[in-house]
Every structure is written in structure tokens, then in C-alpha cells.
Amino acid sequence: SITIDPDLLEAADIREFEQVAVVDVDNGARFETYTIAGQRGSGDMKVNGAAARLVHRGDTIIVISYGGYDPDELENYDPRVVHVGANNEIIDVDNEVATLLGAPTA
């Protein structure tokens, strides 16, 4: 499981116990798990159980939720991306899936 601050879950439109994919940007690890709501306002982002061996404190991770949609629903669909700072505070919420705010540019 992954424990996530409820403020972050709500900003990303992810529900508690929802299945998510987690990607560790630093080491390439990828796994699927489910969310658990942590303490509100804490910035919690904690990987639990066996998956905790795949992610190290300070690593940058991406949490991805997927959904199934009818073609009609996709007419007005925009992905929701929550960009966070060093302490997992929300910096911005947009639909820029290919942008990692604060990341070095080549």
C-alpha cells in the first residue's frame, strides 16, 4: 500500500483504497498497489509493506491512477496532475502529464 496525505488524494481525484501504479523516477522501480489516507496536511507519501524495499526516502515518485471511459466521456476529459514541492506541498494542479515541475531541463 501507499499512505498519502488526503489533501493530495483529493487534489488528484484519487480515492482511498483505489488501485494505483507507482513509478520511482530515481531507480526505475514500478509497482501497483492501493492507497491509504494518511494524516491531512502532513505531506505523507509513504510506501508500505514489501513495496517499501523498492523506494528509498527522498526518491521522486509518480503515482498514477487509471480509469475506463466511454468515448463520449473522453470528449471533455482532461487528466489531473498534482505537482508537489520538496515537502509534498501542492505547487500546481494542471493537465501537463509530460511536465515534472522543478526538474532539470536538458
PDB file of N, CA and C in Angstrom:
ATOM      1  N   SER A   1       0.846  -1.194   0.000  1.00  0.00           N
ATOM      2  CA  SER A   1       0.000   0.000   0.000  1.00  0.00           C
ATOM      3  C   SER A   1       0.883   1.246   0.000  1.00  0.00           C
ATOM      4  N   ILE A   2       0.266   2.377  -0.274  1.00  0.00           N
ATOM      5  CA  ILE A   2       0.955   3.663  -0.179  1.00  0.00           C
ATOM      6  C   ILE A   2       0.062   4.609   0.617  1.00  0.00           C
ATOM      7  N   THR A   3       0.615   5.178   1.677  1.00  0.00           N
ATOM      8  CA  THR A   3      -0.109   6.140   2.507  1.00  0.00           C
ATOM      9  C   THR A   3       0.117   7.523   1.921  1.00  0.00           C
ATOM     10  N   ILE A   4      -0.988   8.234   1.658  1.00  0.00           N
ATOM     11  CA  ILE A   4      -0.915   9.546   1.015  1.00  0.00           C
ATOM     12  C   ILE A   4      -1.780  10.535   1.789  1.00  0.00           C
ATOM     13  N   ASP A   5      -1.249  11.738   1.991  1.00  0.00           N
ATOM     14  CA  ASP A   5      -1.986  12.833   2.614  1.00  0.00           C
ATOM     15  C   ASP A   5      -3.326  13.004   1.879  1.00  0.00           C
ATOM     16  N   PRO A   6      -4.457  13.048   2.599  1.00  0.00           N
ATOM     17  CA  PRO A   6      -5.763  13.224   1.951  1.00  0.00           C
ATOM     18  C   PRO A   6      -5.850  14.474   1.077  1.00  0.00           C
ATOM     19  N   ASP A   7      -5.112  15.532   1.412  1.00  0.00           N
ATOM     20  CA  ASP A   7      -5.117  16.726   0.562  1.00  0.00           C
ATOM     21  C   ASP A   7      -4.599  16.383  -0.832  1.00  0.00           C
ATOM     22  N   LEU A   8      -3.576  15.543  -0.893  1.00  0.00           N
ATOM     23  CA  LEU A   8      -3.009  15.130  -2.181  1.00  0.00           C
ATOM     24  C   LEU A   8      -3.959  14.189  -2.911  1.00  0.00           C
ATOM     25  N   LEU A   9      -4.577  13.256  -2.180  1.00  0.00           N
ATOM     26  CA  LEU A   9      -5.546  12.361  -2.805  1.00  0.00           C
ATOM     27  C   LEU A   9      -6.682  13.153  -3.440  1.00  0.00           C
ATOM     28  N   GLU A  10      -7.228  14.117  -2.713  1.00  0.00           N
ATOM     29  CA  GLU A  10      -8.345  14.912  -3.231  1.00  0.00           C
ATOM     30  C   GLU A  10      -7.920  15.751  -4.429  1.00  0.00           C
ATOM     31  N   ALA A  11      -6.742  16.356  -4.354  1.00  0.00           N
ATOM     32  CA  ALA A  11      -6.261  17.180  -5.468  1.00  0.00           C
ATOM     33  C   ALA A  11      -6.099  16.349  -6.736  1.00  0.00           C
ATOM     34  N   ALA A  12      -5.713  15.080  -6.568  1.00  0.00           N
ATOM     35  CA  ALA A  12      -5.500  14.192  -7.716  1.00  0.00           C
ATOM     36  C   ALA A  12      -6.750  13.420  -8.111  1.00  0.00           C
ATOM     37  N   ASP A  13      -7.837  13.583  -7.355  1.00  0.00           N
ATOM     38  CA  ASP A  13      -9.073  12.848  -7.585  1.00  0.00           C
ATOM     39  C   ASP A  13      -8.848  11.337  -7.492  1.00  0.00           C
ATOM     40  N   ILE A  14      -8.101  10.946  -6.454  1.00  0.00           N
ATOM     41  CA  ILE A  14      -7.852   9.533  -6.159  1.00  0.00           C
ATOM     42  C   ILE A  14      -8.547   9.214  -4.841  1.00  0.00           C
ATOM     43  N   ARG A  15      -9.254   8.111  -4.803  1.00  0.00           N
ATOM     44  CA  ARG A  15      -9.977   7.713  -3.593  1.00  0.00           C
ATOM     45  C   ARG A  15      -9.118   6.787  -2.733  1.00  0.00           C
ATOM     46  N   GLU A  16      -9.424   6.769  -1.441  1.00  0.00           N
ATOM     47  CA  GLU A  16      -8.758   5.826  -0.557  1.00  0.00           C
ATOM     48  C   GLU A  16      -9.104   4.409  -1.021  1.00  0.00           C
ATOM     49  N   PHE A  17      -8.123   3.525  -0.987  1.00  0.00           N
ATOM     50  CA  PHE A  17      -8.209   2.121  -1.389  1.00  0.00           C
ATOM     51  C   PHE A  17      -8.246   1.932  -2.896  1.00  0.00           C
ATOM     52  N   GLU A  18      -8.110   3.015  -3.667  1.00  0.00           N
ATOM     53  CA  GLU A  18      -8.061   2.903  -5.125  1.00  0.00           C
ATOM     54  C   GLU A  18      -6.719   2.295  -5.544  1.00  0.00           C
ATOM     55  N   GLN A  19      -6.768   1.461  -6.574  1.00  0.00           N
ATOM     56  CA  GLN A  19      -5.532   0.887  -7.118  1.00  0.00           C
ATOM     57  C   GLN A  19      -4.779   1.957  -7.892  1.00  0.00           C
ATOM     58  N   VAL A  20      -3.464   2.021  -7.683  1.00  0.00           N
ATOM     59  CA  VAL A  20      -2.608   2.979  -8.376  1.00  0.00           C
ATOM     60  C   VAL A  20      -1.324   2.288  -8.815  1.00  0.00           C
ATOM     61  N   ALA A  21      -0.660   2.879  -9.790  1.00  0.00           N
ATOM     62  CA  ALA A  21       0.685   2.467 -10.178  1.00  0.00           C
ATOM     63  C   ALA A  21       1.643   3.492  -9.578  1.00  0.00           C
ATOM     64  N   VAL A  22       2.780   3.025  -9.119  1.00  0.00           N
ATOM     65  CA  VAL A  22       3.800   3.903  -8.547  1.00  0.00           C
ATOM     66  C   VAL A  22       5.080   3.713  -9.349  1.00  0.00           C
ATOM     67  N   VAL A  23       5.684   4.826  -9.754  1.00  0.00           N
ATOM     68  CA  VAL A  23       6.921   4.817 -10.518  1.00  0.00           C
ATOM     69  C   VAL A  23       7.973   5.593  -9.731  1.00  0.00           C
ATOM     70  N   ASP A  24       9.118   4.984  -9.475  1.00  0.00           N
ATOM     71  CA  ASP A  24      10.232   5.668  -8.822  1.00  0.00           C
ATOM     72  C   ASP A  24      11.115   6.248  -9.921  1.00  0.00           C
ATOM     73  N   VAL A  25      11.141   7.569 -10.037  1.00  0.00           N
ATOM     74  CA  VAL A  25      11.890   8.251 -11.085  1.00  0.00           C
ATOM     75  C   VAL A  25      13.392   8.038 -10.909  1.00  0.00           C
ATOM     76  N   ASP A  26      13.842   7.874  -9.668  1.00  0.00           N
ATOM     77  CA  ASP A  26      15.270   7.763  -9.393  1.00  0.00           C
ATOM     78  C   ASP A  26      15.862   6.396  -9.735  1.00  0.00           C
ATOM     79  N   ASN A  27      15.092   5.317  -9.518  1.00  0.00           N
ATOM     80  CA  ASN A  27      15.686   3.999  -9.760  1.00  0.00           C
ATOM     81  C   ASN A  27      14.915   3.149 -10.771  1.00  0.00           C
ATOM     82  N   GLY A  28      13.809   3.666 -11.300  1.00  0.00           N
ATOM     83  CA  GLY A  28      13.059   2.959 -12.329  1.00  0.00           C
ATOM     84  C   GLY A  28      12.089   1.908 -11.828  1.00  0.00           C
ATOM     85  N   ALA A  29      12.003   1.697 -10.512  1.00  0.00           N
ATOM     86  CA  ALA A  29      11.077   0.701  -9.969  1.00  0.00           C
ATOM     87  C   ALA A  29       9.642   1.098 -10.298  1.00  0.00           C
ATOM     88  N   ARG A  30       8.825   0.094 -10.605  1.00  0.00           N
ATOM     89  CA  ARG A  30       7.409   0.301 -10.912  1.00  0.00           C
ATOM     90  C   ARG A  30       6.621  -0.799 -10.233  1.00  0.00           C
ATOM     91  N   PHE A  31       5.491  -0.441  -9.621  1.00  0.00           N
ATOM     92  CA  PHE A  31       4.649  -1.451  -9.000  1.00  0.00           C
ATOM     93  C   PHE A  31       3.230  -0.917  -8.863  1.00  0.00           C
ATOM     94  N   GLU A  32       2.290  -1.837  -8.654  1.00  0.00           N
ATOM     95  CA  GLU A  32       0.895  -1.470  -8.409  1.00  0.00           C
ATOM     96  C   GLU A  32       0.576  -1.746  -6.956  1.00  0.00           C
ATOM     97  N   THR A  33      -0.254  -0.883  -6.389  1.00  0.00           N
ATOM     98  CA  THR A  33      -0.667  -1.036  -5.002  1.00  0.00           C
ATOM     99  C   THR A  33      -1.989  -0.301  -4.811  1.00  0.00           C
ATOM    100  N   TYR A  34      -2.364  -0.042  -3.581  1.00  0.00           N
ATOM    101  CA  TYR A  34      -3.592   0.693  -3.297  1.00  0.00           C
ATOM    102  C   TYR A  34      -3.279   1.800  -2.292  1.00  0.00           C
ATOM    103  N   THR A  35      -4.135   2.815  -2.274  1.00  0.00           N
ATOM    104  CA  THR A  35      -3.903   3.980  -1.425  1.00  0.00           C
ATOM    105  C   THR A  35      -4.549   3.819  -0.055  1.00  0.00           C
ATOM    106  N   ILE A  36      -3.897   4.418   0.930  1.00  0.00           N
ATOM    107  CA  ILE A  36      -4.434   4.563   2.283  1.00  0.00           C
ATOM    108  C   ILE A  36      -4.303   6.044   2.623  1.00  0.00           C
ATOM    109  N   ALA A  37      -5.355   6.643   3.154  1.00  0.00           N
ATOM    110  CA  ALA A  37      -5.298   8.056   3.538  1.00  0.00           C
ATOM    111  C   ALA A  37      -4.445   8.200   4.790  1.00  0.00           C
ATOM    112  N   GLY A  38      -3.499   9.139   4.743  1.00  0.00           N
ATOM    113  CA  GLY A  38      -2.661   9.442   5.900  1.00  0.00           C
ATOM    114  C   GLY A  38      -3.247  10.601   6.687  1.00  0.00           C
ATOM    115  N   GLN A  39      -2.391  11.307   7.374  1.00  0.00           N
ATOM    116  CA  GLN A  39      -2.817  12.465   8.166  1.00  0.00           C
ATOM    117  C   GLN A  39      -2.914  13.690   7.270  1.00  0.00           C
ATOM    118  N   ARG A  40      -4.064  14.352   7.309  1.00  0.00           N
ATOM    119  CA  ARG A  40      -4.287  15.547   6.491  1.00  0.00           C
ATOM    120  C   ARG A  40      -3.276  16.633   6.825  1.00  0.00           C
ATOM    121  N   GLY A  41      -2.701  17.227   5.770  1.00  0.00           N
ATOM    122  CA  GLY A  41      -1.750  18.320   5.929  1.00  0.00           C
ATOM    123  C   GLY A  41      -0.333  17.872   6.245  1.00  0.00           C
ATOM    124  N   SER A  42      -0.102  16.579   6.313  1.00  0.00           N
ATOM    125  CA  SER A  42       1.210  16.050   6.695  1.00  0.00           C
ATOM    126  C   SER A  42       2.179  15.962   5.520  1.00  0.00           C
ATOM    127  N   GLY A  43       1.653  15.935   4.301  1.00  0.00           N
ATOM    128  CA  GLY A  43       2.506  15.704   3.137  1.00  0.00           C
ATOM    129  C   GLY A  43       2.906  14.245   3.007  1.00  0.00           C
ATOM    130  N   ASP A  44       2.248  13.371   3.780  1.00  0.00           N
ATOM    131  CA  ASP A  44       2.594  11.949   3.755  1.00  0.00           C
ATOM    132  C   ASP A  44       2.593  11.374   2.350  1.00  0.00           C
ATOM    133  N   MET A  45       3.631  10.612   2.077  1.00  0.00           N
ATOM    134  CA  MET A  45       3.772   9.826   0.865  1.00  0.00           C
ATOM    135  C   MET A  45       4.673   8.668   1.278  1.00  0.00           C
ATOM    136  N   LYS A  46       4.073   7.615   1.836  1.00  0.00           N
ATOM    137  CA  LYS A  46       4.841   6.521   2.428  1.00  0.00           C
ATOM    138  C   LYS A  46       4.480   5.203   1.772  1.00  0.00           C
ATOM    139  N   VAL A  47       5.480   4.531   1.238  1.00  0.00           N
ATOM    140  CA  VAL A  47       5.274   3.214   0.654  1.00  0.00           C
ATOM    141  C   VAL A  47       5.378   2.192   1.773  1.00  0.00           C
ATOM    142  N   ASN A  48       4.386   1.304   1.862  1.00  0.00           N
ATOM    143  CA  ASN A  48       4.294   0.340   2.953  1.00  0.00           C
ATOM    144  C   ASN A  48       4.548  -1.083   2.465  1.00  0.00           C
ATOM    145  N   GLY A  49       4.817  -1.964   3.394  1.00  0.00           N
ATOM    146  CA  GLY A  49       4.946  -3.387   3.091  1.00  0.00           C
ATOM    147  C   GLY A  49       6.154  -3.691   2.222  1.00  0.00           C
ATOM    148  N   ALA A  50       6.059  -4.785   1.477  1.00  0.00           N
ATOM    149  CA  ALA A  50       7.178  -5.248   0.665  1.00  0.00           C
ATOM    150  C   ALA A  50       7.611  -4.216  -0.373  1.00  0.00           C
ATOM    151  N   ALA A  51       6.670  -3.434  -0.895  1.00  0.00           N
ATOM    152  CA  ALA A  51       7.000  -2.422  -1.906  1.00  0.00           C
ATOM    153  C   ALA A  51       7.945  -1.352  -1.358  1.00  0.00           C
ATOM    154  N   ALA A  52       7.995  -1.208  -0.031  1.00  0.00           N
ATOM    155  CA  ALA A  52       8.880  -0.209   0.578  1.00  0.00           C
ATOM    156  C   ALA A  52      10.345  -0.508   0.257  1.00  0.00           C
ATOM    157  N   ARG A  53      10.646  -1.736  -0.105  1.00  0.00           N
ATOM    158  CA  ARG A  53      12.020  -2.083  -0.474  1.00  0.00           C
ATOM    159  C   ARG A  53      12.397  -1.515  -1.843  1.00  0.00           C
ATOM    160  N   LEU A  54      11.396  -1.078  -2.619  1.00  0.00           N
ATOM    161  CA  LEU A  54      11.637  -0.582  -3.976  1.00  0.00           C
ATOM    162  C   LEU A  54      11.862   0.925  -4.037  1.00  0.00           C
ATOM    163  N   VAL A  55      11.487   1.635  -2.979  1.00  0.00           N
ATOM    164  CA  VAL A  55      11.556   3.098  -2.967  1.00  0.00           C
ATOM    165  C   VAL A  55      12.343   3.532  -1.731  1.00  0.00           C
ATOM    166  N   HIS A  56      13.225   4.505  -1.911  1.00  0.00           N
ATOM    167  CA  HIS A  56      14.036   4.994  -0.796  1.00  0.00           C
ATOM    168  C   HIS A  56      13.619   6.404  -0.421  1.00  0.00           C
ATOM    169  N   ARG A  57      13.764   6.742   0.860  1.00  0.00           N
ATOM    170  CA  ARG A  57      13.432   8.084   1.345  1.00  0.00           C
ATOM    171  C   ARG A  57      14.156   9.119   0.472  1.00  0.00           C
ATOM    172  N   GLY A  58      13.396  10.109   0.023  1.00  0.00           N
ATOM    173  CA  GLY A  58      13.967  11.173  -0.811  1.00  0.00           C
ATOM    174  C   GLY A  58      13.829  10.919  -2.300  1.00  0.00           C
ATOM    175  N   ASP A  59      13.450   9.690  -2.709  1.00  0.00           N
ATOM    176  CA  ASP A  59      13.246   9.417  -4.132  1.00  0.00           C
ATOM    177  C   ASP A  59      12.034  10.199  -4.639  1.00  0.00           C
ATOM    178  N   THR A  60      12.086  10.572  -5.903  1.00  0.00           N
ATOM    179  CA  THR A  60      10.939  11.192  -6.567  1.00  0.00           C
ATOM    180  C   THR A  60      10.073  10.078  -7.121  1.00  0.00           C
ATOM    181  N   ILE A  61       8.784  10.090  -6.756  1.00  0.00           N
ATOM    182  CA  ILE A  61       7.867   9.086  -7.277  1.00  0.00           C
ATOM    183  C   ILE A  61       6.708   9.752  -8.005  1.00  0.00           C
ATOM    184  N   ILE A  62       6.111   8.993  -8.893  1.00  0.00           N
ATOM    185  CA  ILE A  62       4.900   9.408  -9.589  1.00  0.00           C
ATOM    186  C   ILE A  62       3.831   8.375  -9.251  1.00  0.00           C
ATOM    187  N   VAL A  63       2.667   8.836  -8.811  1.00  0.00           N
ATOM    188  CA  VAL A  63       1.541   7.954  -8.508  1.00  0.00           C
ATOM    189  C   VAL A  63       0.520   8.164  -9.625  1.00  0.00           C
ATOM    190  N   ILE A  64       0.120   7.066 -10.268  1.00  0.00           N
ATOM    191  CA  ILE A  64      -0.747   7.134 -11.439  1.00  0.00           C
ATOM    192  C   ILE A  64      -2.021   6.342 -11.175  1.00  0.00           C
ATOM    193  N   SER A  65      -3.163   6.963 -11.425  1.00  0.00           N
ATOM    194  CA  SER A  65      -4.426   6.211 -11.390  1.00  0.00           C
ATOM    195  C   SER A  65      -4.958   6.141 -12.816  1.00  0.00           C
ATOM    196  N   TYR A  66      -5.617   5.037 -13.099  1.00  0.00           N
ATOM    197  CA  TYR A  66      -6.170   4.820 -14.434  1.00  0.00           C
ATOM    198  C   TYR A  66      -7.670   4.639 -14.318  1.00  0.00           C
ATOM    199  N   GLY A  67      -8.370   4.880 -15.404  1.00  0.00           N
ATOM    200  CA  GLY A  67      -9.806   4.669 -15.406  1.00  0.00           C
ATOM    201  C   GLY A  67     -10.274   4.202 -16.768  1.00  0.00           C
ATOM    202  N   GLY A  68     -11.413   3.556 -16.789  1.00  0.00           N
ATOM    203  CA  GLY A  68     -12.038   3.167 -18.045  1.00  0.00           C
ATOM    204  C   GLY A  68     -13.140   4.159 -18.390  1.00  0.00           C
ATOM    205  N   TYR A  69     -13.143   4.621 -19.626  1.00  0.00           N
ATOM    206  CA  TYR A  69     -14.104   5.642 -20.038  1.00  0.00           C
ATOM    207  C   TYR A  69     -14.773   5.247 -21.342  1.00  0.00           C
ATOM    208  N   ASP A  70     -16.009   5.664 -21.506  1.00  0.00           N
ATOM    209  CA  ASP A  70     -16.689   5.551 -22.784  1.00  0.00           C
ATOM    210  C   ASP A  70     -16.181   6.672 -23.682  1.00  0.00           C
ATOM    211  N   PRO A  71     -16.210   6.480 -25.001  1.00  0.00           N
ATOM    212  CA  PRO A  71     -15.752   7.538 -25.911  1.00  0.00           C
ATOM    213  C   PRO A  71     -16.427   8.889 -25.655  1.00  0.00           C
ATOM    214  N   ASP A  72     -17.719   8.877 -25.299  1.00  0.00           N
ATOM    215  CA  ASP A  72     -18.434  10.128 -25.034  1.00  0.00           C
ATOM    216  C   ASP A  72     -17.859  10.854 -23.825  1.00  0.00           C
ATOM    217  N   GLU A  73     -17.438  10.085 -22.813  1.00  0.00           N
ATOM    218  CA  GLU A  73     -16.856  10.689 -21.608  1.00  0.00           C
ATOM    219  C   GLU A  73     -15.509  11.351 -21.900  1.00  0.00           C
ATOM    220  N   LEU A  74     -14.806  10.835 -22.892  1.00  0.00           N
ATOM    221  CA  LEU A  74     -13.483  11.373 -23.218  1.00  0.00           C
ATOM    222  C   LEU A  74     -13.537  12.704 -23.955  1.00  0.00           C
ATOM    223  N   GLU A  75     -14.723  13.060 -24.461  1.00  0.00           N
ATOM    224  CA  GLU A  75     -14.874  14.337 -25.174  1.00  0.00           C
ATOM    225  C   GLU A  75     -14.430  15.514 -24.302  1.00  0.00           C
ATOM    226  N   ASN A  76     -14.741  15.456 -23.006  1.00  0.00           N
ATOM    227  CA  ASN A  76     -14.436  16.563 -22.102  1.00  0.00           C
ATOM    228  C   ASN A  76     -13.430  16.171 -21.019  1.00  0.00           C
ATOM    229  N   TYR A  77     -12.694  15.087 -21.244  1.00  0.00           N
ATOM    230  CA  TYR A  77     -11.765  14.604 -20.225  1.00  0.00           C
ATOM    231  C   TYR A  77     -10.424  15.324 -20.295  1.00  0.00           C
ATOM    232  N   ASP A  78      -9.923  15.727 -19.142  1.00  0.00           N
ATOM    233  CA  ASP A  78      -8.570  16.250 -19.001  1.00  0.00           C
ATOM    234  C   ASP A  78      -7.918  15.501 -17.845  1.00  0.00           C
ATOM    235  N   PRO A  79      -6.707  15.005 -18.028  1.00  0.00           N
ATOM    236  CA  PRO A  79      -6.032  14.369 -16.898  1.00  0.00           C
ATOM    237  C   PRO A  79      -5.750  15.402 -15.809  1.00  0.00           C
ATOM    238  N   ARG A  80      -5.600  14.935 -14.590  1.00  0.00           N
ATOM    239  CA  ARG A  80      -5.295  15.834 -13.473  1.00  0.00           C
ATOM    240  C   ARG A  80      -3.911  15.472 -12.934  1.00  0.00           C
ATOM    241  N   VAL A  81      -3.014  16.438 -12.960  1.00  0.00           N
ATOM    242  CA  VAL A  81      -1.641  16.239 -12.492  1.00  0.00           C
ATOM    243  C   VAL A  81      -1.405  17.174 -11.311  1.00  0.00           C
ATOM    244  N   VAL A  82      -0.974  16.602 -10.188  1.00  0.00           N
ATOM    245  CA  VAL A  82      -0.664  17.381  -8.992  1.00  0.00           C
ATOM    246  C   VAL A  82       0.850  17.452  -8.869  1.00  0.00           C
ATOM    247  N   HIS A  83       1.384  18.647  -8.993  1.00  0.00           N
ATOM    248  CA  HIS A  83       2.826  18.872  -8.851  1.00  0.00           C
ATOM    249  C   HIS A  83       3.089  19.289  -7.407  1.00  0.00           C
ATOM    250  N   VAL A  84       4.103  18.677  -6.789  1.00  0.00           N
ATOM    251  CA  VAL A  84       4.409  18.972  -5.388  1.00  0.00           C
ATOM    252  C   VAL A  84       5.845  19.448  -5.235  1.00  0.00           C
ATOM    253  N   GLY A  85       6.102  20.118  -4.108  1.00  0.00           N
ATOM    254  CA  GLY A  85       7.440  20.580  -3.770  1.00  0.00           C
ATOM    255  C   GLY A  85       8.192  19.538  -2.959  1.00  0.00           C
ATOM    256  N   ALA A  86       9.317  19.944  -2.409  1.00  0.00           N
ATOM    257  CA  ALA A  86      10.205  19.047  -1.670  1.00  0.00           C
ATOM    258  C   ALA A  86       9.545  18.408  -0.457  1.00  0.00           C
ATOM    259  N   ASN A  87       8.552  19.058   0.123  1.00  0.00           N
ATOM    260  CA  ASN A  87       7.845  18.518   1.289  1.00  0.00           C
ATOM    261  C   ASN A  87       6.443  18.030   0.932  1.00  0.00           C
ATOM    262  N   ASN A  88       6.245  17.710  -0.342  1.00  0.00           N
ATOM    263  CA  ASN A  88       4.966  17.234  -0.878  1.00  0.00           C
ATOM    264  C   ASN A  88       3.836  18.250  -0.722  1.00  0.00           C
ATOM    265  N   GLU A  89       4.200  19.532  -0.655  1.00  0.00           N
ATOM    266  CA  GLU A  89       3.178  20.578  -0.659  1.00  0.00           C
ATOM    267  C   GLU A  89       2.757  20.817  -2.112  1.00  0.00           C
ATOM    268  N   ILE A  90       1.474  21.068  -2.306  1.00  0.00           N
ATOM    269  CA  ILE A  90       0.950  21.255  -3.658  1.00  0.00           C
ATOM    270  C   ILE A  90       1.453  22.570  -4.225  1.00  0.00           C
ATOM    271  N   ILE A  91       2.115  22.482  -5.385  1.00  0.00           N
ATOM    272  CA  ILE A  91       2.609  23.669  -6.099  1.00  0.00           C
ATOM    273  C   ILE A  91       1.615  24.083  -7.176  1.00  0.00           C
ATOM    274  N   ASP A  92       1.095  23.076  -7.903  1.00  0.00           N
ATOM    275  CA  ASP A  92       0.190  23.372  -9.007  1.00  0.00           C
ATOM    276  C   ASP A  92      -0.619  22.114  -9.326  1.00  0.00           C
ATOM    277  N   VAL A  93      -1.807  22.324  -9.864  1.00  0.00           N
ATOM    278  CA  VAL A  93      -2.634  21.240 -10.374  1.00  0.00           C
ATOM    279  C   VAL A  93      -3.007  21.625 -11.796  1.00  0.00           C
ATOM    280  N   ASP A  94      -2.632  20.775 -12.763  1.00  0.00           N
ATOM    281  CA  ASP A  94      -2.917  21.068 -14.162  1.00  0.00           C
ATOM    282  C   ASP A  94      -3.102  19.765 -14.923  1.00  0.00           C
ATOM    283  N   ASN A  95      -3.022  19.820 -16.243  1.00  0.00           N
ATOM    284  CA  ASN A  95      -3.168  18.613 -17.051  1.00  0.00           C
ATOM    285  C   ASN A  95      -1.896  18.298 -17.833  1.00  0.00           C
ATOM    286  N   GLU A  96      -0.763  18.806 -17.360  1.00  0.00           N
ATOM    287  CA  GLU A  96       0.517  18.644 -18.050  1.00  0.00           C
ATOM    288  C   GLU A  96       1.189  17.337 -17.638  1.00  0.00           C
ATOM    289  N   VAL A  97       0.805  16.236 -18.274  1.00  0.00           N
ATOM    290  CA  VAL A  97       1.305  14.922 -17.883  1.00  0.00           C
ATOM    291  C   VAL A  97       2.781  14.726 -18.197  1.00  0.00           C
ATOM    292  N   ALA A  98       3.338  15.490 -19.124  1.00  0.00           N
ATOM    293  CA  ALA A  98       4.728  15.297 -19.518  1.00  0.00           C
ATOM    294  C   ALA A  98       5.671  16.279 -18.822  1.00  0.00           C
ATOM    295  N   THR A  99       5.172  17.019 -17.823  1.00  0.00           N
ATOM    296  CA  THR A  99       5.980  18.041 -17.181  1.00  0.00           C
ATOM    297  C   THR A  99       6.227  17.679 -15.724  1.00  0.00           C
ATOM    298  N   LEU A 100       7.495  17.642 -15.336  1.00  0.00           N
ATOM    299  CA  LEU A 100       7.879  17.435 -13.951  1.00  0.00           C
ATOM    300  C   LEU A 100       8.407  18.781 -13.455  1.00  0.00           C
ATOM    301  N   LEU A 101       7.566  19.542 -12.754  1.00  0.00           N
ATOM    302  CA  LEU A 101       7.963  20.877 -12.311  1.00  0.00           C
ATOM    303  C   LEU A 101       9.181  20.779 -11.419  1.00  0.00           C
ATOM    304  N   GLY A 102      10.111  21.699 -11.618  1.00  0.00           N
ATOM    305  CA  GLY A 102      11.306  21.736 -10.785  1.00  0.00           C
ATOM    306  C   GLY A 102      12.373  20.771 -11.275  1.00  0.00           C
ATOM    307  N   ALA A 103      12.090  19.988 -12.306  1.00  0.00           N
ATOM    308  CA  ALA A 103      13.080  19.050 -12.830  1.00  0.00           C
ATOM    309  C   ALA A 103      14.074  19.799 -13.711  1.00  0.00           C
ATOM    310  N   PRO A 104      15.327  19.368 -13.699  1.00  0.00           N
ATOM    311  CA  PRO A 104      16.317  19.992 -14.574  1.00  0.00           C
ATOM    312  C   PRO A 104      15.942  19.798 -16.026  1.00  0.00           C
ATOM    313  N   THR A 105      16.244  20.761 -16.861  1.00  0.00           N
ATOM    314  CA  THR A 105      15.952  20.650 -18.289  1.00  0.00           C
ATOM    315  C   THR A 105      17.235  20.404 -19.056  1.00  0.00           C
ATOM    316  N   ALA A 106      17.124  19.656 -20.133  1.00  0.00           N
ATOM    317  CA  ALA A 106      18.298  19.326 -20.940  1.00  0.00           C
ATOM    318  C   ALA A 106      18.571  20.383 -21.979  1.00  0.00           C
TER     319      ALA A 106
END
